[in-house]
Every structure is written in C-alpha cells, then in structure tokens.
Amino acid sequence: MLEDREKAIIKGIFGIVLFYAAVQHFQAVKGAALAFWHAVSPLAYGIVIAFVINLIVVRLEKHMQRGIFANQTIRRIVSIVTAVLILTGVIVVVCFALIPGIVDSVRQIADKAPRALESALDFLETRLGISRNVIEAIENFEVDENLVDSMFGLIENQSVIAALKASGNMVSSVFAVIARLFVGLFFAFYILAQKESIGAFVHRLVETYLPEHAAKRLEHIGKLTYDTYAGFISGQCMDAVILGCLVMLSMGIMRLSYPVLIGVIVTVTALIPVVGALFGGSIGVVLLVMDSPVKALTFVVLFLILQQIDNRLIYPHVVGNAIGIPSILIFAAIVFGGEIRGVLGMFLGIPFTAVIYTLVQEDMERRREREQRRGK
C-alpha cells in the first residue's frame, strides 16, 4: 500500500504532466472548452435567470403562508408566475415610458451639440489663446471616405460579399443566443420549481464523494457565495433604481434638461458602488453644460445632496452589510473586474471579492485560534 506522502507525490507529478499537456495542446484545449461552453450555455443562462427570479420568489413566498398558499406547490407556482410578471412589467415600463424620453433627449443634444462646439472653440480662442489655425483644422476636419471604405472592406465586390456573409453570421449568432435564452428560461422554471429537491440531491452528492470536512467546507462556501451575491445584487439594484428615480424627479421639479436620460444613466452607472453614481453624475454635468452652465452647476449641487441622502439614509438600509469589505478592495475589484469583463465584471467582481475576503478572514481566525490552543 502507498503511503500518504507517496500518494501526494504521484498526484503532484500527474498534475504537472496534465498541465504540460494542456499547454502544449492549448488550441485543442481551447476548442474543446468552447465546444463545451456552447453545449452547456443554455443551462448556464437558466441558472442565472433562476437566480435573478428567485430573489423575487423568496420574498413573495414569505408573504404567502395562509389560505390556498399553504400548499407548497400552489405557493411556488404563483410566486414564480408573479415574479416573471413583475420583471416583464419592469421591462415594458422601461421600453414604453422611458425610451421615448431618452430618444427626445438625444435629439435635443444632437441639435445643440454644434452650437456648444462652436462656443467651446470660441472659448479656446478668446480665453486660452489657442491658435486660430488649430481651431480651423478642428472645424474643417472630415473623415476620408476611402479610409472608411478600407476599414470596412467594402471597396471590391468580393469585400461586399464577405461583409454580407459576416452580417449573416452575426444575425444567425443573435438568433442562436435568443434560442439559448428561451431554453435557459424553461430550465430556470424547472430549477425554481424543484429547487428543494435539487438542493437535497447536491447535498447528498457532496456528502457521498467528499470527506466530511471538505463537504461541510464546500457547502459553507456555496451558502456564503449565494447569500453575498443575492444580498448585493438585490440591494444594489434597488438602491440604483431609487437614486435614479430621485434624480429624475428632482430634475423634473427644478425644470432641468434631460431628466429621463440622466436619470437612466445614473441608474445604470449606480450599479457600481462608490464610483458608479459619480461617473453617471459627471455624464449628466457634461450634457447639461451644452444647454446651460447655470443648469449644470445647479445639477452638481442637486446631485451631491441626493448622493449624500443615498449614502447616509438609503444605502445602509437597502444594501446593508451585503459587501462588508474595505473601500480599497472595492476599487481593486472594480479595476480588475473591468479589465476582465467590462461593466459586468465590475458589477459581479465586487461580491466575488467580498466572498474571498470573508473566507480569508475566517481562515485567519481559525489559524489564530489554533495557535492560541497550541500556546496553552
């Protein structure tokens, strides 16, 4: 029989050989990974959709305990359907209520942009002493059509055919994604309807094939990850919507320009803690400067007041301790998440960092307790 040390050596050698083989055949491994992702992506979409819907389902089921809702099956079906209707209603409201206002604001900005550019150029010339030749070069700047044709590959007929093929591939890719989303939606319904039995099966699977300590550790990490992401996503989305609505209503009351557009921008950017709302407010200032510097200054004061209200009164009650990590780690999560996956990486990287931070804190506490027991 092999001793534990020999088993560890054999596992290490096997791991090194496997890693070397993967590096040597990187393209084959990459192709296999992409093929696997295409196969399981509908299931991944379903898990994500189920996670989002479940945030609403859990809250609805807490208030469905009496009468016909005492039956688990009826309560689950009604809560799932209600959650889907709520999400659908939100999408419909955004499409039919907000988009026309956004389009109107964009048109106003497009009409005022040339005048704002001319005013900026006059300011550069009169106040900063920029040479008129430079200003004329900016005003007379034109895009070379041949350069544009070359960039898009549309000079020759063959390039046109290639471009049409590329557009056809893009359309087919869009339909493929939509098809995966529909499959994922049905998979999400199944997950939500059978989440207790699925959870019990996963629990038995982990207990059967892993040592007791490892099984408990894995389940603890899973619960911590779910609680962190659920608390952060639901709280951050609610806080962003509240802040965006406050900005929109306040701008409407004060008769500032583009209230719907800036409110939506603030809502979207406020999904990123700490820096997101400031970035959205900065965009609002830039848009209002083209209309009136006085309005832009008024918006700055208004936005700072609203953000203080949000930071001190709304955010602590809505998000609470869902993050619970130092600000420096939030900034690091935003930077690294943005580099890896853009805005989505910024948003999802923060709770991931919170999970890692909590696990490290727990490990440090266990090691400290172990050292204290050894000292005694």
Protein backbone atom coordinates (compact mmCIF):
# COMPACT_ATOMS: atom_id res chain seq x y z
CA MET A 1 0.00 0.00 0.00
CA LEU A 2 1.21 3.51 -0.83
CA GLU A 3 1.80 5.93 1.99
CA ASP A 4 0.15 9.34 2.08
CA ARG A 5 3.39 11.08 1.10
CA GLU A 6 3.84 8.83 -1.92
CA LYS A 7 0.25 9.41 -2.98
CA ALA A 8 0.78 13.17 -2.73
CA ILE A 9 3.95 12.91 -4.88
CA ILE A 10 2.13 10.85 -7.52
CA LYS A 11 -0.75 13.35 -7.60
CA GLY A 12 1.70 16.23 -7.96
CA ILE A 13 3.53 14.53 -10.85
CA PHE A 14 0.23 13.72 -12.54
CA GLY A 15 -0.90 17.35 -12.17
CA ILE A 16 2.36 18.67 -13.67
CA VAL A 17 2.11 16.28 -16.63
CA LEU A 18 -1.53 17.22 -17.21
CA PHE A 19 -0.70 20.95 -17.08
CA TYR A 20 2.21 20.48 -19.52
CA ALA A 21 -0.01 18.55 -21.94
CA ALA A 22 -2.68 21.28 -21.77
CA VAL A 23 -0.09 23.99 -22.52
CA GLN A 24 1.40 22.01 -25.41
CA HIS A 25 -2.06 21.48 -26.96
CA PHE A 26 -3.54 24.83 -26.00
CA GLN A 27 -5.57 25.29 -29.21
CA ALA A 28 -7.16 21.86 -28.87
CA VAL A 29 -7.97 22.52 -25.21
CA LYS A 30 -9.39 25.93 -26.10
CA GLY A 31 -11.56 24.43 -28.86
CA ALA A 32 -12.84 21.73 -26.53
CA ALA A 33 -13.62 24.34 -23.86
CA LEU A 34 -15.55 26.49 -26.37
CA ALA A 35 -17.49 23.47 -27.63
CA PHE A 36 -18.33 22.52 -24.06
CA TRP A 37 -19.47 26.09 -23.32
CA HIS A 38 -21.75 26.15 -26.39
CA ALA A 39 -23.27 22.88 -25.21
CA VAL A 40 -23.91 23.97 -21.62
CA SER A 41 -24.57 27.71 -22.19
CA PRO A 42 -28.39 27.26 -22.18
CA LEU A 43 -28.06 25.62 -18.76
CA ALA A 44 -25.81 28.46 -17.58
CA TYR A 45 -28.35 31.02 -18.81
CA GLY A 46 -31.05 29.08 -16.97
CA ILE A 47 -29.09 29.13 -13.72
CA VAL A 48 -28.55 32.91 -13.99
CA ILE A 49 -32.23 33.55 -14.84
CA ALA A 50 -33.33 31.29 -11.99
CA PHE A 51 -31.03 33.12 -9.58
CA VAL A 52 -32.49 36.51 -10.54
CA ILE A 53 -36.12 35.34 -10.43
CA ASN A 54 -35.51 33.52 -7.15
CA LEU A 55 -34.59 36.84 -5.48
CA ILE A 56 -38.21 37.90 -6.00
CA VAL A 57 -39.71 34.43 -5.42
CA VAL A 58 -38.16 34.15 -1.94
CA ARG A 59 -39.66 37.49 -0.88
CA LEU A 60 -43.07 36.66 -2.31
CA GLU A 61 -43.24 33.27 -0.60
CA LYS A 62 -42.64 34.89 2.78
CA HIS A 63 -45.99 36.65 2.40
CA MET A 64 -47.83 33.58 1.01
CA GLN A 65 -48.41 31.40 4.04
CA ARG A 66 -52.18 31.31 4.55
CA GLY A 67 -55.25 30.04 2.73
CA ILE A 68 -54.59 28.26 -0.55
CA PHE A 69 -50.97 29.39 -0.39
CA ALA A 70 -50.37 26.99 2.50
CA ASN A 71 -49.92 24.39 -0.24
CA GLN A 72 -46.25 24.40 -1.29
CA THR A 73 -46.97 23.64 -4.96
CA ILE A 74 -49.55 26.42 -5.35
CA ARG A 75 -47.37 28.89 -3.47
CA ARG A 76 -44.35 28.10 -5.67
CA ILE A 77 -46.24 28.32 -8.98
CA VAL A 78 -47.97 31.59 -8.05
CA SER A 79 -44.73 33.16 -6.79
CA ILE A 80 -42.79 32.17 -9.95
CA VAL A 81 -45.50 33.48 -12.28
CA THR A 82 -45.80 36.70 -10.25
CA ALA A 83 -42.03 37.22 -10.30
CA VAL A 84 -41.91 36.77 -14.08
CA LEU A 85 -44.82 39.21 -14.50
CA ILE A 86 -43.01 41.76 -12.31
CA LEU A 87 -39.82 41.52 -14.36
CA THR A 88 -41.81 41.66 -17.61
CA GLY A 89 -43.71 44.69 -16.33
CA VAL A 90 -40.46 46.46 -15.49
CA ILE A 91 -39.14 45.80 -19.00
CA VAL A 92 -42.38 47.05 -20.57
CA VAL A 93 -42.35 50.21 -18.45
CA VAL A 94 -38.75 50.90 -19.43
CA CYS A 95 -39.50 50.36 -23.11
CA PHE A 96 -42.71 52.37 -23.37
CA ALA A 97 -42.22 55.04 -20.70
CA LEU A 98 -38.52 55.80 -20.59
CA ILE A 99 -37.24 55.15 -24.11
CA PRO A 100 -39.32 57.92 -25.78
CA GLY A 101 -37.95 60.41 -23.24
CA ILE A 102 -34.42 59.17 -23.85
CA VAL A 103 -34.84 59.49 -27.64
CA ASP A 104 -36.20 63.02 -27.24
CA SER A 105 -33.25 64.00 -25.03
CA VAL A 106 -30.77 62.56 -27.53
CA ARG A 107 -32.39 64.57 -30.33
CA GLN A 108 -32.14 67.75 -28.27
CA ILE A 109 -28.47 67.06 -27.57
CA ALA A 110 -27.81 66.44 -31.27
CA ASP A 111 -29.45 69.77 -32.14
CA LYS A 112 -27.48 71.69 -29.51
CA ALA A 113 -24.12 69.97 -30.00
CA PRO A 114 -22.92 72.10 -32.97
CA ARG A 115 -23.69 75.32 -31.12
CA ALA A 116 -21.97 74.02 -27.99
CA LEU A 117 -18.91 73.04 -30.04
CA GLU A 118 -18.75 76.49 -31.58
CA SER A 119 -18.97 78.12 -28.15
CA ALA A 120 -16.19 75.85 -26.88
CA LEU A 121 -13.97 76.78 -29.83
CA ASP A 122 -14.59 80.50 -29.23
CA PHE A 123 -13.66 79.99 -25.58
CA LEU A 124 -10.43 78.25 -26.60
CA GLU A 125 -9.54 81.14 -28.88
CA THR A 126 -10.50 84.12 -26.69
CA ARG A 127 -9.70 82.82 -23.18
CA LEU A 128 -6.90 80.31 -23.69
CA GLY A 129 -5.23 81.86 -26.73
CA ILE A 130 -5.38 78.74 -28.90
CA SER A 131 -4.23 79.47 -32.46
CA ARG A 132 -6.98 80.08 -34.98
CA ASN A 133 -5.29 77.66 -37.37
CA VAL A 134 -5.77 74.84 -34.90
CA ILE A 135 -9.40 75.80 -34.43
CA GLU A 136 -9.99 75.91 -38.17
CA ALA A 137 -8.37 72.50 -38.53
CA ILE A 138 -10.81 71.15 -35.92
CA GLU A 139 -13.80 72.80 -37.62
CA ASN A 140 -12.81 71.58 -41.10
CA PHE A 141 -11.95 68.05 -40.02
CA GLU A 142 -13.55 65.50 -42.35
CA VAL A 143 -13.40 61.74 -42.41
CA ASP A 144 -11.75 60.30 -45.51
CA GLU A 145 -14.37 58.17 -47.26
CA ASN A 146 -11.70 55.95 -48.83
CA LEU A 147 -10.31 55.28 -45.37
CA VAL A 148 -13.75 54.31 -44.12
CA ASP A 149 -14.26 52.03 -47.12
CA SER A 150 -10.91 50.42 -46.50
CA MET A 151 -11.69 49.89 -42.81
CA PHE A 152 -14.97 48.14 -43.55
CA GLY A 153 -13.58 46.24 -46.53
CA LEU A 154 -16.23 47.46 -49.00
CA ILE A 155 -14.02 48.63 -51.90
CA GLU A 156 -14.27 45.49 -54.03
CA ASN A 157 -17.28 43.33 -54.76
CA GLN A 158 -15.60 40.42 -53.07
CA SER A 159 -15.36 42.51 -49.90
CA VAL A 160 -19.06 43.32 -50.19
CA ILE A 161 -19.86 39.63 -50.40
CA ALA A 162 -17.62 38.96 -47.39
CA ALA A 163 -19.35 41.75 -45.49
CA LEU A 164 -22.78 40.29 -46.33
CA LYS A 165 -21.61 36.89 -45.14
CA ALA A 166 -20.33 38.44 -41.93
CA SER A 167 -23.66 40.21 -41.35
CA GLY A 168 -25.48 36.93 -41.98
CA ASN A 169 -23.28 35.18 -39.45
CA MET A 170 -24.00 37.94 -36.95
CA VAL A 171 -27.76 37.56 -37.44
CA SER A 172 -27.52 33.79 -37.03
CA SER A 173 -25.45 34.30 -33.87
CA VAL A 174 -28.13 36.62 -32.46
CA PHE A 175 -30.85 34.05 -33.15
CA ALA A 176 -28.69 31.35 -31.56
CA VAL A 177 -28.32 33.44 -28.40
CA ILE A 178 -32.09 34.08 -28.32
CA ALA A 179 -32.74 30.35 -28.72
CA ARG A 180 -30.35 29.59 -25.86
CA LEU A 181 -32.12 32.18 -23.70
CA PHE A 182 -35.50 30.51 -24.34
CA VAL A 183 -34.08 27.11 -23.46
CA GLY A 184 -32.48 28.67 -20.40
CA LEU A 185 -35.82 30.19 -19.40
CA PHE A 186 -37.53 26.79 -19.38
CA PHE A 187 -34.57 25.35 -17.48
CA ALA A 188 -34.90 28.20 -14.96
CA PHE A 189 -38.56 27.34 -14.37
CA TYR A 190 -37.58 23.75 -13.65
CA ILE A 191 -34.84 24.82 -11.24
CA LEU A 192 -37.20 27.12 -9.33
CA ALA A 193 -39.98 24.55 -9.18
CA GLN A 194 -37.65 21.80 -7.93
CA LYS A 195 -35.02 23.82 -6.05
CA GLU A 196 -35.51 21.97 -2.74
CA SER A 197 -35.09 18.53 -4.32
CA ILE A 198 -32.14 19.76 -6.42
CA GLY A 199 -30.52 21.19 -3.29
CA ALA A 200 -31.05 17.91 -1.43
CA PHE A 201 -29.52 15.93 -4.31
CA VAL A 202 -26.46 18.20 -4.43
CA HIS A 203 -26.12 17.83 -0.65
CA ARG A 204 -26.17 14.02 -0.90
CA LEU A 205 -23.73 14.12 -3.82
CA VAL A 206 -21.22 16.24 -1.91
CA GLU A 207 -21.52 14.15 1.27
CA THR A 208 -21.08 10.91 -0.69
CA TYR A 209 -18.00 11.76 -2.74
CA LEU A 210 -16.13 14.16 -0.46
CA PRO A 211 -14.72 13.79 3.05
CA GLU A 212 -16.94 15.18 5.80
CA HIS A 213 -14.73 18.21 6.45
CA ALA A 214 -14.41 19.05 2.74
CA ALA A 215 -18.18 18.60 2.21
CA LYS A 216 -19.04 20.98 5.06
CA ARG A 217 -16.46 23.46 3.81
CA LEU A 218 -17.82 23.37 0.25
CA GLU A 219 -21.41 23.80 1.42
CA HIS A 220 -20.36 26.72 3.61
CA ILE A 221 -18.63 28.40 0.64
CA GLY A 222 -21.70 27.79 -1.53
CA LYS A 223 -24.08 29.30 1.03
CA LEU A 224 -21.77 32.26 1.63
CA THR A 225 -21.49 32.89 -2.13
CA TYR A 226 -25.26 32.72 -2.64
CA ASP A 227 -26.05 34.97 0.32
CA THR A 228 -23.42 37.53 -0.72
CA TYR A 229 -24.48 37.69 -4.36
CA ALA A 230 -28.20 37.67 -3.53
CA GLY A 231 -27.88 40.44 -0.96
CA PHE A 232 -25.57 42.53 -3.12
CA ILE A 233 -27.47 42.22 -6.43
CA SER A 234 -30.94 42.82 -4.98
CA GLY A 235 -29.79 45.64 -2.70
CA GLN A 236 -27.56 47.36 -5.25
CA CYS A 237 -30.22 47.22 -7.98
CA MET A 238 -32.87 48.61 -5.63
CA ASP A 239 -30.57 51.40 -4.44
CA ALA A 240 -29.62 52.30 -8.03
CA VAL A 241 -33.29 52.50 -9.06
CA ILE A 242 -34.14 54.65 -6.04
CA LEU A 243 -31.26 57.04 -6.73
CA GLY A 244 -32.12 57.23 -10.43
CA CYS A 245 -35.78 57.99 -9.66
CA LEU A 246 -34.77 60.68 -7.16
CA VAL A 247 -32.52 62.30 -9.77
CA MET A 248 -35.23 62.11 -12.41
CA LEU A 249 -37.99 63.55 -10.19
CA SER A 250 -35.76 66.26 -8.73
CA MET A 251 -34.59 67.37 -12.16
CA GLY A 252 -38.19 67.45 -13.36
CA ILE A 253 -39.27 69.59 -10.40
CA MET A 254 -36.37 72.00 -10.95
CA ARG A 255 -37.04 72.04 -14.71
CA LEU A 256 -33.57 70.88 -15.67
CA SER A 257 -32.96 69.47 -19.14
CA TYR A 258 -32.83 65.75 -19.98
CA PRO A 259 -34.25 64.38 -16.68
CA VAL A 260 -35.19 60.96 -18.11
CA LEU A 261 -31.90 60.42 -19.92
CA ILE A 262 -29.72 61.48 -16.99
CA GLY A 263 -31.90 59.53 -14.54
CA VAL A 264 -31.42 56.34 -16.58
CA ILE A 265 -27.67 56.97 -16.88
CA VAL A 266 -27.37 57.43 -13.11
CA THR A 267 -29.44 54.29 -12.50
CA VAL A 268 -27.23 52.16 -14.74
CA THR A 269 -23.91 53.53 -13.50
CA ALA A 270 -25.00 53.44 -9.83
CA LEU A 271 -24.99 49.65 -10.05
CA ILE A 272 -21.24 50.01 -9.44
CA PRO A 273 -20.73 51.04 -5.78
CA VAL A 274 -18.68 54.08 -4.78
CA VAL A 275 -17.63 55.31 -8.23
CA GLY A 276 -20.63 54.40 -10.41
CA ALA A 277 -23.01 57.18 -9.36
CA LEU A 278 -20.24 59.79 -9.56
CA PHE A 279 -19.48 58.71 -13.10
CA GLY A 280 -23.15 58.93 -14.05
CA GLY A 281 -23.43 62.36 -12.45
CA SER A 282 -20.36 63.52 -14.39
CA ILE A 283 -22.02 62.49 -17.64
CA GLY A 284 -25.09 64.48 -16.60
CA VAL A 285 -22.94 67.56 -15.98
CA VAL A 286 -21.35 67.28 -19.44
CA LEU A 287 -24.77 67.01 -21.09
CA LEU A 288 -26.17 69.99 -19.19
CA VAL A 289 -23.14 72.19 -19.89
CA MET A 290 -24.10 72.14 -23.57
CA ASP A 291 -27.51 73.51 -22.61
CA SER A 292 -26.56 75.95 -19.85
CA PRO A 293 -23.61 76.22 -17.42
CA VAL A 294 -26.03 77.51 -14.76
CA LYS A 295 -28.17 74.38 -15.13
CA ALA A 296 -25.04 72.23 -14.95
CA LEU A 297 -23.96 73.91 -11.71
CA THR A 298 -27.48 73.52 -10.30
CA PHE A 299 -27.37 69.82 -11.17
CA VAL A 300 -24.00 69.43 -9.44
CA VAL A 301 -25.42 70.82 -6.19
CA LEU A 302 -28.60 68.76 -6.54
CA PHE A 303 -26.72 65.55 -7.29
CA LEU A 304 -24.34 65.96 -4.37
CA ILE A 305 -27.29 66.46 -2.00
CA LEU A 306 -29.11 63.40 -3.38
CA GLN A 307 -26.00 61.27 -3.13
CA GLN A 308 -25.46 62.27 0.49
CA ILE A 309 -29.06 61.29 1.22
CA ASP A 310 -28.50 57.97 -0.55
CA ASN A 311 -25.17 57.22 1.14
CA ARG A 312 -26.34 58.08 4.66
CA LEU A 313 -30.01 57.04 4.70
CA ILE A 314 -30.98 54.78 1.78
CA TYR A 315 -27.91 52.68 1.01
CA PRO A 316 -27.27 51.39 4.58
CA HIS A 317 -30.87 50.17 4.87
CA VAL A 318 -31.21 48.75 1.35
CA VAL A 319 -27.80 47.12 0.84
CA GLY A 320 -26.74 46.85 4.48
CA ASN A 321 -23.67 44.68 5.06
CA ALA A 322 -24.01 42.72 1.82
CA ILE A 323 -20.49 43.79 0.80
CA GLY A 324 -18.67 44.26 4.09
CA ILE A 325 -15.19 44.84 2.62
CA PRO A 326 -12.81 47.81 2.79
CA SER A 327 -13.15 50.51 0.16
CA ILE A 328 -9.69 49.79 -1.25
CA LEU A 329 -10.80 46.25 -2.12
CA ILE A 330 -13.93 47.61 -3.79
CA PHE A 331 -11.76 49.82 -6.01
CA ALA A 332 -9.48 46.85 -6.75
CA ALA A 333 -12.50 44.68 -7.65
CA ILE A 334 -13.80 47.39 -9.96
CA VAL A 335 -10.45 47.75 -11.74
CA PHE A 336 -9.77 44.02 -12.16
CA GLY A 337 -13.39 43.18 -12.97
CA GLY A 338 -13.48 45.92 -15.59
CA GLU A 339 -10.31 44.62 -17.22
CA ILE A 340 -11.67 41.07 -17.36
CA ARG A 341 -15.34 41.58 -18.33
CA GLY A 342 -16.09 45.30 -18.62
CA VAL A 343 -19.05 46.74 -16.71
CA LEU A 344 -20.43 43.28 -15.93
CA GLY A 345 -17.06 42.34 -14.45
CA MET A 346 -17.11 45.47 -12.27
CA PHE A 347 -20.59 44.62 -11.00
CA LEU A 348 -20.04 40.91 -10.31
CA GLY A 349 -16.43 41.28 -9.21
CA ILE A 350 -17.38 43.16 -6.05
CA PRO A 351 -19.42 40.37 -4.37
CA PHE A 352 -16.80 37.85 -5.57
CA THR A 353 -14.14 39.90 -3.77
CA ALA A 354 -16.41 40.04 -0.72
CA VAL A 355 -16.66 36.23 -0.69
CA ILE A 356 -12.87 35.82 -0.96
CA TYR A 357 -12.33 38.45 1.74
CA THR A 358 -14.75 36.69 4.11
CA LEU A 359 -13.15 33.29 3.51
CA VAL A 360 -9.67 34.73 4.17
CA GLN A 361 -10.95 36.36 7.36
CA GLU A 362 -12.44 33.07 8.53
CA ASP A 363 -9.21 31.19 7.74
CA MET A 364 -7.15 33.78 9.62
CA GLU A 365 -9.47 33.44 12.62
CA ARG A 366 -9.17 29.63 12.58
CA ARG A 367 -5.38 29.82 12.39
CA ARG A 368 -5.29 32.33 15.24
CA GLU A 369 -7.46 30.10 17.42
CA ARG A 370 -5.26 27.11 16.55
CA GLU A 371 -2.12 28.99 17.56
CA GLN A 372 -3.75 30.08 20.80
CA ARG A 373 -4.66 26.49 21.66
CA ARG A 374 -1.13 25.36 20.92
CA GLY A 375 0.25 28.13 23.14
CA LYS A 376 -1.82 26.87 26.04
